[in-house]
Amino acid sequence: MKKTIELHSVFTCPNCGYQKEEEMPTDACQFLYECKNCKALLKPKPGDCCVYCSYGAVPCPPIQKNKSCC
């Protein structure tokens, strides 16, 4: 059975707690994200490949596929 890859993730800002559903890129990692509420510029946590792996409810598509991310 083929695993379904989630392309949307709820992003939660660690600074203000604001949450927004975002569509994740499938062909690139997203290294920077600006919170739509507090305007904080966020970067991945150490050891994570992108902001979705750090602050999203779902890891990025390459990680979901058990591949290295970027």
Protein backbone atom coordinates (compact mmCIF):
# COMPACT_ATOMS: atom_id res chain seq x y z
CA MET A 1 0.00 0.00 0.00
CA LYS A 2 1.37 3.39 -1.01
CA LYS A 3 1.69 5.99 1.74
CA THR A 4 -0.17 9.25 1.10
CA ILE A 5 2.07 12.30 1.36
CA GLU A 6 0.54 15.25 3.19
CA LEU A 7 1.13 18.53 1.37
CA HIS A 8 -0.47 20.83 3.96
CA SER A 9 0.70 21.44 7.50
CA VAL A 10 -0.49 23.68 10.30
CA PHE A 11 2.43 25.97 11.10
CA THR A 12 2.64 27.23 14.69
CA CYS A 13 4.80 30.25 15.46
CA PRO A 14 6.94 29.58 18.54
CA ASN A 15 7.00 33.31 19.37
CA CYS A 16 3.32 34.20 19.42
CA GLY A 17 1.46 30.88 19.01
CA TYR A 18 -0.30 31.97 15.81
CA GLN A 19 -1.33 29.02 13.64
CA LYS A 20 -1.86 28.94 9.90
CA GLU A 21 -2.34 26.08 7.46
CA GLU A 22 0.28 26.27 4.74
CA GLU A 23 1.02 24.26 1.60
CA MET A 24 4.51 22.79 1.75
CA PRO A 25 6.79 22.90 -1.29
CA THR A 26 7.48 19.49 -2.81
CA ASP A 27 10.60 20.41 -4.77
CA ALA A 28 12.55 22.53 -2.29
CA CYS A 29 13.10 23.06 1.42
CA GLN A 30 11.77 26.19 3.04
CA PHE A 31 14.52 27.53 5.26
CA LEU A 32 12.87 30.83 6.27
CA TYR A 33 9.31 31.63 7.27
CA GLU A 34 7.84 34.97 8.32
CA CYS A 35 5.00 34.66 10.83
CA LYS A 36 1.87 36.27 9.40
CA ASN A 37 0.96 37.60 12.86
CA CYS A 38 4.08 38.81 14.70
CA LYS A 39 6.36 39.06 11.62
CA ALA A 40 9.13 37.02 13.30
CA LEU A 41 11.55 35.50 10.78
CA LEU A 42 11.90 31.85 11.71
CA LYS A 43 14.63 29.36 10.81
CA PRO A 44 14.70 25.58 11.36
CA LYS A 45 15.75 24.24 14.75
CA PRO A 46 19.22 22.64 14.87
CA GLY A 47 19.04 19.20 13.25
CA ASP A 48 15.88 19.95 11.25
CA CYS A 49 16.03 20.45 7.50
CA CYS A 50 13.30 23.08 7.15
CA VAL A 51 10.81 25.22 9.06
CA TYR A 52 8.00 22.70 8.50
CA CYS A 53 9.98 19.96 10.24
CA SER A 54 10.55 22.36 13.16
CA TYR A 55 7.21 24.15 13.52
CA GLY A 56 4.68 22.30 11.37
CA ALA A 57 2.21 19.65 12.45
CA VAL A 58 3.43 17.45 9.56
CA PRO A 59 7.05 16.99 8.44
CA CYS A 60 8.01 18.11 4.94
CA PRO A 61 7.27 15.81 1.94
CA PRO A 62 10.86 14.48 1.49
CA ILE A 63 11.02 13.43 5.16
CA GLN A 64 7.58 11.82 4.84
CA LYS A 65 9.00 9.81 1.91
CA ASN A 66 11.95 8.72 4.10
CA LYS A 67 14.36 10.65 1.89
CA SER A 68 16.89 13.23 2.88
CA CYS A 69 15.60 16.75 2.69
CA CYS A 70 17.54 19.06 0.40
